[in-house]
Amino acid sequence: MISHLTGTVIAENERFLTLDVHGVGYKVFTTAETMRRAARTKEASFWTHLAVRENALDLYGFLEQDEMDFFELLITVSGIGPKTALGIMNAAPVETILSAIQLGDSTGLTKTSGIGTKNAQKMILELKGKIDGFSFTTEEKSSEETDALDALQALGYTLRESREALKKISGKATSPSEKVREALKILGK
């Protein structure tokens, strides 16, 4: 099992990057945010999860061990495989997903993570007791994120466009109105 790699990012794709570790190139599937952060440094270290299937060995990498732990927790949910889990993590910050699970907010979870109602309810049911070791934000942040998404959609933006814009401003704005204002600046470009 490969659990950690340190090397140089030599190529990027929209879904994965190639990490050169002493002359061996590893194809590492990761989130867009992780790719952005790894691209800024010459050398990167990844905590990895090796998914073994009948016809493939897929390597998933994360800069933080907590992210990898959360990824591994997500794939324990029946019906959620590694690619779906990565898609969920790509759609919203981990803190937002954890908060929605803890609060039992399936509507907020479907809006922020891009999964359907059935999978959102399944995630809440199967993970609610297992996420105690993870830090998550308060109900306020989750509801603010949902309010900002609703406002952007009311202005005519798609759920995907709204989510992408809000991901780019994470940490910059605090209230829903500030989040919407910052997101509109990004969407207007």
N, C-alpha and C. Protein backbone atom coordinates (compact mmCIF):
# COMPACT_ATOMS: atom_id res chain seq x y z
N MET A 1 0.85 -1.18 0.00
CA MET A 1 0.00 0.00 0.00
C MET A 1 0.89 1.24 0.00
N ILE A 2 0.61 2.16 -0.87
CA ILE A 2 1.35 3.43 -0.94
C ILE A 2 0.58 4.43 -0.08
N SER A 3 1.21 4.96 0.97
CA SER A 3 0.48 5.87 1.85
C SER A 3 1.00 7.30 1.81
N HIS A 4 2.20 7.52 1.29
CA HIS A 4 2.74 8.89 1.23
C HIS A 4 3.77 8.97 0.11
N LEU A 5 3.73 10.07 -0.64
CA LEU A 5 4.69 10.31 -1.71
C LEU A 5 5.17 11.76 -1.66
N THR A 6 6.46 11.95 -1.92
CA THR A 6 7.02 13.29 -2.05
C THR A 6 7.78 13.33 -3.37
N GLY A 7 7.49 14.34 -4.16
CA GLY A 7 8.15 14.44 -5.46
C GLY A 7 7.84 15.76 -6.14
N THR A 8 8.12 15.81 -7.43
CA THR A 8 7.93 17.02 -8.23
C THR A 8 6.74 16.82 -9.15
N VAL A 9 5.84 17.80 -9.18
CA VAL A 9 4.70 17.75 -10.09
C VAL A 9 5.22 18.08 -11.49
N ILE A 10 5.10 17.11 -12.40
CA ILE A 10 5.65 17.33 -13.75
C ILE A 10 4.56 17.51 -14.81
N ALA A 11 3.32 17.17 -14.48
CA ALA A 11 2.22 17.36 -15.44
C ALA A 11 0.90 17.46 -14.67
N GLU A 12 -0.03 18.20 -15.27
CA GLU A 12 -1.36 18.35 -14.67
C GLU A 12 -2.43 18.13 -15.71
N ASN A 13 -3.53 17.56 -15.27
CA ASN A 13 -4.72 17.36 -16.06
C ASN A 13 -5.85 17.94 -15.22
N GLU A 14 -7.06 18.00 -15.71
CA GLU A 14 -8.12 18.55 -14.87
C GLU A 14 -8.53 17.61 -13.75
N ARG A 15 -8.22 16.32 -13.84
CA ARG A 15 -8.60 15.37 -12.80
C ARG A 15 -7.42 14.79 -12.02
N PHE A 16 -6.24 14.85 -12.58
CA PHE A 16 -5.09 14.24 -11.91
C PHE A 16 -3.81 15.00 -12.25
N LEU A 17 -2.77 14.67 -11.50
CA LEU A 17 -1.45 15.21 -11.79
C LEU A 17 -0.46 14.06 -11.81
N THR A 18 0.69 14.31 -12.41
CA THR A 18 1.75 13.29 -12.43
C THR A 18 2.85 13.76 -11.51
N LEU A 19 3.18 12.93 -10.55
CA LEU A 19 4.19 13.24 -9.55
C LEU A 19 5.42 12.39 -9.81
N ASP A 20 6.56 13.04 -10.10
CA ASP A 20 7.82 12.34 -10.33
C ASP A 20 8.51 12.11 -8.99
N VAL A 21 8.67 10.85 -8.64
CA VAL A 21 9.36 10.47 -7.41
C VAL A 21 10.57 9.64 -7.80
N HIS A 22 11.73 10.29 -7.83
CA HIS A 22 12.99 9.62 -8.18
C HIS A 22 12.90 8.86 -9.51
N GLY A 23 12.35 9.52 -10.52
CA GLY A 23 12.30 8.94 -11.86
C GLY A 23 11.08 8.09 -12.16
N VAL A 24 10.21 7.90 -11.19
CA VAL A 24 8.97 7.14 -11.41
C VAL A 24 7.81 8.12 -11.35
N GLY A 25 6.98 8.14 -12.39
CA GLY A 25 5.84 9.04 -12.44
C GLY A 25 4.58 8.38 -11.92
N TYR A 26 3.99 8.96 -10.90
CA TYR A 26 2.75 8.44 -10.32
C TYR A 26 1.59 9.32 -10.76
N LYS A 27 0.54 8.69 -11.26
CA LYS A 27 -0.69 9.39 -11.63
C LYS A 27 -1.54 9.50 -10.37
N VAL A 28 -1.72 10.73 -9.88
CA VAL A 28 -2.41 10.96 -8.61
C VAL A 28 -3.68 11.75 -8.87
N PHE A 29 -4.83 11.14 -8.62
CA PHE A 29 -6.12 11.83 -8.73
C PHE A 29 -6.29 12.70 -7.49
N THR A 30 -6.74 13.93 -7.69
CA THR A 30 -6.88 14.84 -6.57
C THR A 30 -7.90 15.93 -6.89
N THR A 31 -8.17 16.78 -5.92
CA THR A 31 -9.13 17.86 -6.12
C THR A 31 -8.47 19.04 -6.83
N ALA A 32 -9.28 19.90 -7.40
CA ALA A 32 -8.76 21.08 -8.09
C ALA A 32 -8.00 22.00 -7.13
N GLU A 33 -8.50 22.12 -5.92
CA GLU A 33 -7.84 22.97 -4.92
C GLU A 33 -6.46 22.41 -4.57
N THR A 34 -6.35 21.11 -4.42
CA THR A 34 -5.06 20.49 -4.13
C THR A 34 -4.10 20.70 -5.29
N MET A 35 -4.60 20.60 -6.52
CA MET A 35 -3.74 20.83 -7.69
C MET A 35 -3.22 22.27 -7.71
N ARG A 36 -4.10 23.21 -7.42
CA ARG A 36 -3.67 24.63 -7.39
C ARG A 36 -2.58 24.83 -6.34
N ARG A 37 -2.79 24.26 -5.16
CA ARG A 37 -1.81 24.43 -4.09
C ARG A 37 -0.49 23.73 -4.41
N ALA A 38 -0.57 22.54 -5.01
CA ALA A 38 0.65 21.77 -5.34
C ALA A 38 1.41 22.43 -6.48
N ALA A 39 0.72 23.06 -7.41
CA ALA A 39 1.37 23.69 -8.57
C ALA A 39 2.23 24.89 -8.15
N ARG A 40 1.91 25.49 -7.00
CA ARG A 40 2.66 26.66 -6.53
C ARG A 40 4.03 26.29 -5.97
N THR A 41 4.21 25.03 -5.62
CA THR A 41 5.49 24.60 -5.04
C THR A 41 6.23 23.71 -6.02
N LYS A 42 7.52 23.71 -5.93
CA LYS A 42 8.31 22.85 -6.82
C LYS A 42 8.20 21.39 -6.40
N GLU A 43 8.24 21.15 -5.11
CA GLU A 43 8.15 19.80 -4.60
C GLU A 43 6.89 19.69 -3.74
N ALA A 44 6.17 18.59 -3.87
CA ALA A 44 4.93 18.40 -3.12
C ALA A 44 4.92 17.05 -2.42
N SER A 45 4.27 17.01 -1.27
CA SER A 45 4.09 15.77 -0.52
C SER A 45 2.61 15.45 -0.45
N PHE A 46 2.27 14.21 -0.74
CA PHE A 46 0.88 13.79 -0.74
C PHE A 46 0.66 12.61 0.17
N TRP A 47 -0.42 12.68 0.96
CA TRP A 47 -0.93 11.52 1.67
C TRP A 47 -1.80 10.82 0.64
N THR A 48 -1.64 9.53 0.48
CA THR A 48 -2.32 8.86 -0.61
C THR A 48 -3.18 7.68 -0.16
N HIS A 49 -4.15 7.40 -1.00
CA HIS A 49 -5.02 6.25 -0.83
C HIS A 49 -4.98 5.47 -2.14
N LEU A 50 -4.63 4.20 -2.08
CA LEU A 50 -4.56 3.36 -3.26
C LEU A 50 -5.86 2.56 -3.35
N ALA A 51 -6.65 2.82 -4.40
CA ALA A 51 -7.90 2.09 -4.61
C ALA A 51 -7.61 0.94 -5.57
N VAL A 52 -7.78 -0.27 -5.08
CA VAL A 52 -7.48 -1.46 -5.87
C VAL A 52 -8.80 -2.03 -6.38
N ARG A 53 -8.88 -2.12 -7.71
CA ARG A 53 -10.05 -2.72 -8.35
C ARG A 53 -9.56 -3.86 -9.23
N GLU A 54 -10.49 -4.59 -9.78
CA GLU A 54 -10.16 -5.73 -10.61
C GLU A 54 -9.29 -5.32 -11.81
N ASN A 55 -9.58 -4.17 -12.39
CA ASN A 55 -8.87 -3.77 -13.61
C ASN A 55 -8.07 -2.48 -13.48
N ALA A 56 -7.89 -1.98 -12.27
CA ALA A 56 -7.14 -0.72 -12.11
C ALA A 56 -6.60 -0.55 -10.69
N LEU A 57 -5.50 0.17 -10.63
CA LEU A 57 -4.95 0.64 -9.36
C LEU A 57 -4.93 2.15 -9.45
N ASP A 58 -5.83 2.82 -8.71
CA ASP A 58 -5.92 4.28 -8.77
C ASP A 58 -5.38 4.88 -7.47
N LEU A 59 -4.56 5.90 -7.63
CA LEU A 59 -3.95 6.56 -6.49
C LEU A 59 -4.60 7.92 -6.30
N TYR A 60 -5.11 8.21 -5.09
CA TYR A 60 -5.75 9.47 -4.76
C TYR A 60 -4.87 10.17 -3.74
N GLY A 61 -4.56 11.46 -3.99
CA GLY A 61 -3.62 12.16 -3.13
C GLY A 61 -4.17 13.44 -2.53
N PHE A 62 -3.71 13.75 -1.32
CA PHE A 62 -4.16 14.92 -0.58
C PHE A 62 -2.96 15.54 0.15
N LEU A 63 -2.93 16.86 0.21
CA LEU A 63 -1.83 17.55 0.87
C LEU A 63 -1.91 17.43 2.39
N GLU A 64 -3.12 17.30 2.91
CA GLU A 64 -3.32 17.19 4.36
C GLU A 64 -3.84 15.81 4.71
N GLN A 65 -3.37 15.26 5.79
CA GLN A 65 -3.81 13.93 6.20
C GLN A 65 -5.30 13.93 6.58
N ASP A 66 -5.79 15.02 7.16
CA ASP A 66 -7.21 15.11 7.50
C ASP A 66 -8.09 14.97 6.27
N GLU A 67 -7.65 15.57 5.14
CA GLU A 67 -8.42 15.45 3.90
C GLU A 67 -8.48 13.99 3.45
N MET A 68 -7.35 13.30 3.54
CA MET A 68 -7.32 11.89 3.14
C MET A 68 -8.19 11.07 4.08
N ASP A 69 -8.14 11.34 5.36
CA ASP A 69 -8.97 10.62 6.32
C ASP A 69 -10.45 10.81 6.01
N PHE A 70 -10.82 12.04 5.66
CA PHE A 70 -12.22 12.32 5.32
C PHE A 70 -12.61 11.60 4.03
N PHE A 71 -11.71 11.60 3.04
CA PHE A 71 -11.94 10.87 1.80
C PHE A 71 -12.19 9.39 2.08
N GLU A 72 -11.34 8.80 2.92
CA GLU A 72 -11.49 7.39 3.26
C GLU A 72 -12.78 7.12 4.02
N LEU A 73 -13.23 8.09 4.80
CA LEU A 73 -14.50 7.96 5.50
C LEU A 73 -15.66 8.02 4.50
N LEU A 74 -15.56 8.93 3.53
CA LEU A 74 -16.62 9.05 2.52
C LEU A 74 -16.81 7.76 1.72
N ILE A 75 -15.72 7.10 1.39
CA ILE A 75 -15.85 5.89 0.57
C ILE A 75 -16.37 4.69 1.35
N THR A 76 -16.54 4.84 2.66
CA THR A 76 -17.17 3.77 3.43
C THR A 76 -18.69 3.79 3.26
N VAL A 77 -19.23 4.89 2.78
CA VAL A 77 -20.68 5.00 2.56
C VAL A 77 -21.03 4.15 1.35
N SER A 78 -22.03 3.29 1.50
CA SER A 78 -22.41 2.42 0.39
C SER A 78 -22.90 3.27 -0.78
N GLY A 79 -22.40 2.94 -1.96
CA GLY A 79 -22.79 3.68 -3.16
C GLY A 79 -21.88 4.85 -3.49
N ILE A 80 -20.92 5.15 -2.63
CA ILE A 80 -19.97 6.24 -2.90
C ILE A 80 -18.59 5.64 -3.06
N GLY A 81 -18.10 5.68 -4.30
CA GLY A 81 -16.77 5.19 -4.61
C GLY A 81 -15.76 6.30 -4.56
N PRO A 82 -14.51 5.99 -4.84
CA PRO A 82 -13.45 7.00 -4.78
C PRO A 82 -13.67 8.20 -5.70
N LYS A 83 -14.14 7.98 -6.91
CA LYS A 83 -14.33 9.10 -7.84
C LYS A 83 -15.48 9.99 -7.39
N THR A 84 -16.55 9.41 -6.86
CA THR A 84 -17.66 10.20 -6.34
C THR A 84 -17.22 10.98 -5.11
N ALA A 85 -16.47 10.32 -4.23
CA ALA A 85 -15.98 11.00 -3.02
C ALA A 85 -15.09 12.18 -3.39
N LEU A 86 -14.23 11.99 -4.38
CA LEU A 86 -13.37 13.08 -4.83
C LEU A 86 -14.21 14.21 -5.42
N GLY A 87 -15.25 13.85 -6.15
CA GLY A 87 -16.16 14.85 -6.71
C GLY A 87 -16.86 15.65 -5.63
N ILE A 88 -17.26 14.98 -4.56
CA ILE A 88 -17.91 15.66 -3.43
C ILE A 88 -16.93 16.64 -2.79
N MET A 89 -15.69 16.19 -2.59
CA MET A 89 -14.68 17.06 -1.97
C MET A 89 -14.28 18.19 -2.90
N ASN A 90 -14.42 17.97 -4.19
CA ASN A 90 -14.09 19.00 -5.18
C ASN A 90 -15.15 20.09 -5.22
N ALA A 91 -16.38 19.72 -4.87
CA ALA A 91 -17.50 20.64 -4.99
C ALA A 91 -17.63 21.61 -3.82
N ALA A 92 -17.15 21.22 -2.65
CA ALA A 92 -17.32 22.08 -1.48
C ALA A 92 -16.18 21.85 -0.50
N PRO A 93 -15.88 22.86 0.33
CA PRO A 93 -14.85 22.66 1.35
C PRO A 93 -15.26 21.56 2.33
N VAL A 94 -14.29 20.82 2.82
CA VAL A 94 -14.55 19.71 3.74
C VAL A 94 -15.34 20.19 4.95
N GLU A 95 -15.02 21.38 5.46
CA GLU A 95 -15.71 21.91 6.64
C GLU A 95 -17.20 22.07 6.39
N THR A 96 -17.57 22.50 5.19
CA THR A 96 -18.98 22.69 4.84
C THR A 96 -19.70 21.34 4.80
N ILE A 97 -19.05 20.35 4.23
CA ILE A 97 -19.65 19.01 4.14
C ILE A 97 -19.80 18.41 5.54
N LEU A 98 -18.76 18.53 6.35
CA LEU A 98 -18.81 18.00 7.72
C LEU A 98 -19.91 18.67 8.53
N SER A 99 -20.03 19.97 8.39
CA SER A 99 -21.04 20.72 9.12
C SER A 99 -22.44 20.26 8.71
N ALA A 100 -22.67 20.10 7.42
CA ALA A 100 -23.99 19.66 6.93
C ALA A 100 -24.31 18.26 7.44
N ILE A 101 -23.32 17.38 7.48
CA ILE A 101 -23.54 16.02 7.98
C ILE A 101 -23.88 16.07 9.47
N GLN A 102 -23.11 16.82 10.23
CA GLN A 102 -23.33 16.92 11.67
C GLN A 102 -24.70 17.48 11.99
N LEU A 103 -25.15 18.45 11.19
CA LEU A 103 -26.44 19.10 11.43
C LEU A 103 -27.61 18.32 10.82
N GLY A 104 -27.31 17.29 10.04
CA GLY A 104 -28.36 16.53 9.38
C GLY A 104 -29.05 17.30 8.28
N ASP A 105 -28.33 18.23 7.68
CA ASP A 105 -28.87 19.12 6.66
C ASP A 105 -28.70 18.53 5.26
N SER A 106 -29.62 17.65 4.87
CA SER A 106 -29.49 17.00 3.56
C SER A 106 -29.70 18.00 2.42
N THR A 107 -30.54 19.00 2.61
CA THR A 107 -30.75 20.03 1.58
C THR A 107 -29.48 20.83 1.36
N GLY A 108 -28.86 21.26 2.43
CA GLY A 108 -27.60 21.99 2.32
C GLY A 108 -26.51 21.14 1.71
N LEU A 109 -26.51 19.86 2.04
CA LEU A 109 -25.50 18.94 1.52
C LEU A 109 -25.66 18.74 0.02
N THR A 110 -26.89 18.63 -0.45
CA THR A 110 -27.11 18.47 -1.89
C THR A 110 -26.71 19.73 -2.64
N LYS A 111 -26.94 20.88 -2.04
CA LYS A 111 -26.60 22.13 -2.71
C LYS A 111 -25.09 22.36 -2.74
N THR A 112 -24.42 22.07 -1.64
CA THR A 112 -22.99 22.39 -1.60
C THR A 112 -22.11 21.30 -2.18
N SER A 113 -22.51 20.04 -2.10
CA SER A 113 -21.61 18.99 -2.56
C SER A 113 -21.97 18.39 -3.91
N GLY A 114 -23.15 18.71 -4.43
CA GLY A 114 -23.51 18.25 -5.76
C GLY A 114 -23.99 16.82 -5.86
N ILE A 115 -24.40 16.22 -4.74
CA ILE A 115 -24.95 14.87 -4.78
C ILE A 115 -26.46 14.94 -4.65
N GLY A 116 -27.12 13.84 -4.96
CA GLY A 116 -28.58 13.80 -4.88
C GLY A 116 -29.07 13.65 -3.46
N THR A 117 -30.38 13.81 -3.30
CA THR A 117 -31.01 13.75 -1.98
C THR A 117 -30.81 12.38 -1.32
N LYS A 118 -30.96 11.32 -2.09
CA LYS A 118 -30.83 9.98 -1.53
C LYS A 118 -29.42 9.75 -0.99
N ASN A 119 -28.40 10.10 -1.78
CA ASN A 119 -27.01 9.94 -1.31
C ASN A 119 -26.71 10.85 -0.13
N ALA A 120 -27.27 12.06 -0.13
CA ALA A 120 -27.06 12.99 0.99
C ALA A 120 -27.62 12.41 2.27
N GLN A 121 -28.82 11.86 2.21
CA GLN A 121 -29.44 11.27 3.40
C GLN A 121 -28.66 10.03 3.86
N LYS A 122 -28.17 9.26 2.90
CA LYS A 122 -27.38 8.08 3.22
C LYS A 122 -26.07 8.49 3.90
N MET A 123 -25.43 9.54 3.39
CA MET A 123 -24.19 10.04 4.00
C MET A 123 -24.44 10.47 5.44
N ILE A 124 -25.51 11.22 5.66
CA ILE A 124 -25.83 11.70 7.01
C ILE A 124 -26.05 10.52 7.94
N LEU A 125 -26.84 9.56 7.49
CA LEU A 125 -27.17 8.40 8.31
C LEU A 125 -25.93 7.59 8.67
N GLU A 126 -25.07 7.33 7.67
CA GLU A 126 -23.91 6.47 7.89
C GLU A 126 -22.71 7.17 8.53
N LEU A 127 -22.61 8.48 8.38
CA LEU A 127 -21.41 9.17 8.86
C LEU A 127 -21.61 10.02 10.12
N LYS A 128 -22.84 10.30 10.49
CA LYS A 128 -23.08 11.24 11.60
C LYS A 128 -22.30 10.88 12.86
N GLY A 129 -22.27 9.64 13.24
CA GLY A 129 -21.54 9.23 14.44
C GLY A 129 -20.04 9.06 14.25
N LYS A 130 -19.60 9.03 12.99
CA LYS A 130 -18.20 8.76 12.70
C LYS A 130 -17.35 10.02 12.53
N ILE A 131 -17.95 11.19 12.47
CA ILE A 131 -17.18 12.40 12.16
C ILE A 131 -16.78 13.19 13.40
N ASP A 132 -16.96 12.60 14.56
CA ASP A 132 -16.64 13.32 15.81
C ASP A 132 -15.18 13.73 15.89
N GLY A 133 -14.28 12.96 15.30
CA GLY A 133 -12.85 13.27 15.35
C GLY A 133 -12.44 14.41 14.43
N PHE A 134 -13.32 14.80 13.54
CA PHE A 134 -13.01 15.88 12.60
C PHE A 134 -13.50 17.20 13.16
N SER A 135 -12.76 18.27 12.86
CA SER A 135 -13.24 19.59 13.26
C SER A 135 -14.16 20.10 12.17
N PHE A 136 -15.21 20.75 12.57
CA PHE A 136 -16.13 21.33 11.60
C PHE A 136 -16.64 22.65 12.12
N THR A 137 -17.19 23.44 11.22
CA THR A 137 -17.65 24.76 11.59
C THR A 137 -19.05 24.67 12.17
N THR A 138 -19.55 25.80 12.59
CA THR A 138 -20.85 25.85 13.23
C THR A 138 -21.97 25.83 12.22
N GLU A 139 -23.18 25.74 12.71
CA GLU A 139 -24.37 25.75 11.87
C GLU A 139 -24.44 27.05 11.08
N GLU A 140 -23.94 28.11 11.68
CA GLU A 140 -23.99 29.42 11.05
C GLU A 140 -23.30 29.40 9.68
N LYS A 141 -22.12 28.80 9.60
CA LYS A 141 -21.39 28.78 8.34
C LYS A 141 -22.14 27.98 7.28
N SER A 142 -22.68 26.83 7.68
CA SER A 142 -23.40 25.99 6.73
C SER A 142 -24.63 26.71 6.19
N SER A 143 -25.40 27.36 7.07
CA SER A 143 -26.60 28.05 6.62
C SER A 143 -26.22 29.29 5.81
N GLU A 144 -25.11 29.94 6.15
CA GLU A 144 -24.66 31.10 5.36
C GLU A 144 -24.28 30.66 3.95
N GLU A 145 -23.61 29.52 3.84
CA GLU A 145 -23.22 28.99 2.54
C GLU A 145 -24.47 28.69 1.71
N THR A 146 -25.46 28.06 2.33
CA THR A 146 -26.71 27.73 1.64
C THR A 146 -27.45 28.99 1.23
N ASP A 147 -27.49 30.00 2.12
CA ASP A 147 -28.16 31.26 1.80
C ASP A 147 -27.49 31.95 0.62
N ALA A 148 -26.16 31.94 0.60
CA ALA A 148 -25.43 32.56 -0.50
C ALA A 148 -25.69 31.82 -1.81
N LEU A 149 -25.72 30.49 -1.76
CA LEU A 149 -26.03 29.69 -2.96
C LEU A 149 -27.43 30.02 -3.47
N ASP A 150 -28.40 30.08 -2.55
CA ASP A 150 -29.77 30.40 -2.94
C ASP A 150 -29.85 31.77 -3.60
N ALA A 151 -29.15 32.76 -3.03
CA ALA A 151 -29.18 34.11 -3.57
C ALA A 151 -28.58 34.16 -4.98
N LEU A 152 -27.48 33.49 -5.18
CA LEU A 152 -26.85 33.48 -6.50
C LEU A 152 -27.72 32.77 -7.53
N GLN A 153 -28.39 31.71 -7.11
CA GLN A 153 -29.29 31.02 -8.03
C GLN A 153 -30.50 31.89 -8.35
N ALA A 154 -30.98 32.65 -7.39
CA ALA A 154 -32.10 33.55 -7.63
C ALA A 154 -31.72 34.65 -8.63
N LEU A 155 -30.42 34.97 -8.69
CA LEU A 155 -29.94 35.97 -9.64
C LEU A 155 -29.70 35.37 -11.03
N GLY A 156 -29.96 34.07 -11.18
CA GLY A 156 -29.87 33.44 -12.49
C GLY A 156 -28.64 32.59 -12.76
N TYR A 157 -27.77 32.44 -11.78
CA TYR A 157 -26.58 31.61 -11.96
C TYR A 157 -26.92 30.16 -11.65
N THR A 158 -26.24 29.25 -12.32
CA THR A 158 -26.49 27.83 -12.06
C THR A 158 -25.88 27.44 -10.72
N LEU A 159 -26.31 26.29 -10.22
CA LEU A 159 -25.77 25.80 -8.95
C LEU A 159 -24.27 25.58 -9.06
N ARG A 160 -23.83 25.02 -10.18
CA ARG A 160 -22.40 24.77 -10.38
C ARG A 160 -21.60 26.07 -10.40
N GLU A 161 -22.07 27.07 -11.15
CA GLU A 161 -21.37 28.37 -11.21
C GLU A 161 -21.31 29.00 -9.83
N SER A 162 -22.41 28.92 -9.11
CA SER A 162 -22.47 29.52 -7.77
C SER A 162 -21.50 28.84 -6.82
N ARG A 163 -21.47 27.50 -6.85
CA ARG A 163 -20.55 26.75 -5.99
C ARG A 163 -19.10 27.10 -6.29
N GLU A 164 -18.75 27.13 -7.58
CA GLU A 164 -17.37 27.45 -7.99
C GLU A 164 -16.96 28.84 -7.48
N ALA A 165 -17.83 29.81 -7.65
CA ALA A 165 -17.52 31.17 -7.20
C ALA A 165 -17.35 31.22 -5.69
N LEU A 166 -18.22 30.55 -4.95
CA LEU A 166 -18.12 30.56 -3.49
C LEU A 166 -16.87 29.84 -3.00
N LYS A 167 -16.45 28.79 -3.72
CA LYS A 167 -15.21 28.10 -3.34
C LYS A 167 -14.01 29.03 -3.47
N LYS A 168 -14.02 29.88 -4.48
CA LYS A 168 -12.89 30.77 -4.72
C LYS A 168 -12.78 31.86 -3.67
N ILE A 169 -13.89 32.19 -3.00
CA ILE A 169 -13.85 33.28 -2.01
C ILE A 169 -13.81 32.77 -0.58
N SER A 170 -13.70 31.46 -0.38
CA SER A 170 -13.76 30.93 0.98
C SER A 170 -12.75 31.64 1.88
N GLY A 171 -13.26 32.13 3.01
CA GLY A 171 -12.42 32.82 3.97
C GLY A 171 -12.38 34.32 3.80
N LYS A 172 -12.72 34.83 2.62
CA LYS A 172 -12.65 36.27 2.38
C LYS A 172 -13.87 37.01 2.93
N ALA A 173 -15.03 36.40 2.85
CA ALA A 173 -16.26 37.05 3.26
C ALA A 173 -16.87 36.28 4.43
N THR A 174 -17.60 37.00 5.28
CA THR A 174 -18.17 36.35 6.45
C THR A 174 -19.69 36.22 6.39
N SER A 175 -20.39 37.26 5.99
CA SER A 175 -21.85 37.19 5.95
C SER A 175 -22.32 36.73 4.57
N PRO A 176 -23.55 36.23 4.49
CA PRO A 176 -24.06 35.80 3.18
C PRO A 176 -24.03 36.93 2.13
N SER A 177 -24.36 38.16 2.54
CA SER A 177 -24.37 39.27 1.58
C SER A 177 -22.96 39.56 1.07
N GLU A 178 -21.96 39.47 1.96
CA GLU A 178 -20.57 39.67 1.53
C GLU A 178 -20.13 38.55 0.60
N LYS A 179 -20.55 37.32 0.91
CA LYS A 179 -20.22 36.18 0.05
C LYS A 179 -20.82 36.37 -1.34
N VAL A 180 -22.07 36.81 -1.39
CA VAL A 180 -22.73 37.02 -2.68
C VAL A 180 -22.03 38.14 -3.44
N ARG A 181 -21.69 39.21 -2.76
CA ARG A 181 -21.02 40.34 -3.39
C ARG A 181 -19.68 39.91 -4.01
N GLU A 182 -18.87 39.17 -3.25
CA GLU A 182 -17.58 38.69 -3.72
C GLU A 182 -17.74 37.70 -4.87
N ALA A 183 -18.74 36.81 -4.74
CA ALA A 183 -19.00 35.82 -5.78
C ALA A 183 -19.42 36.51 -7.08
N LEU A 184 -20.22 37.57 -6.97
CA LEU A 184 -20.65 38.30 -8.17
C LEU A 184 -19.48 38.94 -8.87
N LYS A 185 -18.49 39.40 -8.12
CA LYS A 185 -17.29 39.96 -8.73
C LYS A 185 -16.57 38.89 -9.56
N ILE A 186 -16.49 37.69 -9.02
CA ILE A 186 -15.84 36.59 -9.73
C ILE A 186 -16.65 36.17 -10.95
N LEU A 187 -17.96 36.05 -10.76
CA LEU A 187 -18.83 35.61 -11.86
C LEU A 187 -18.92 36.65 -12.96
N GLY A 188 -18.70 37.91 -12.64
CA GLY A 188 -18.76 38.98 -13.62
C GLY A 188 -17.55 39.06 -14.52
N LYS A 189 -16.48 38.37 -14.16
CA LYS A 189 -15.23 38.43 -14.95
C LYS A 189 -15.34 37.62 -16.21
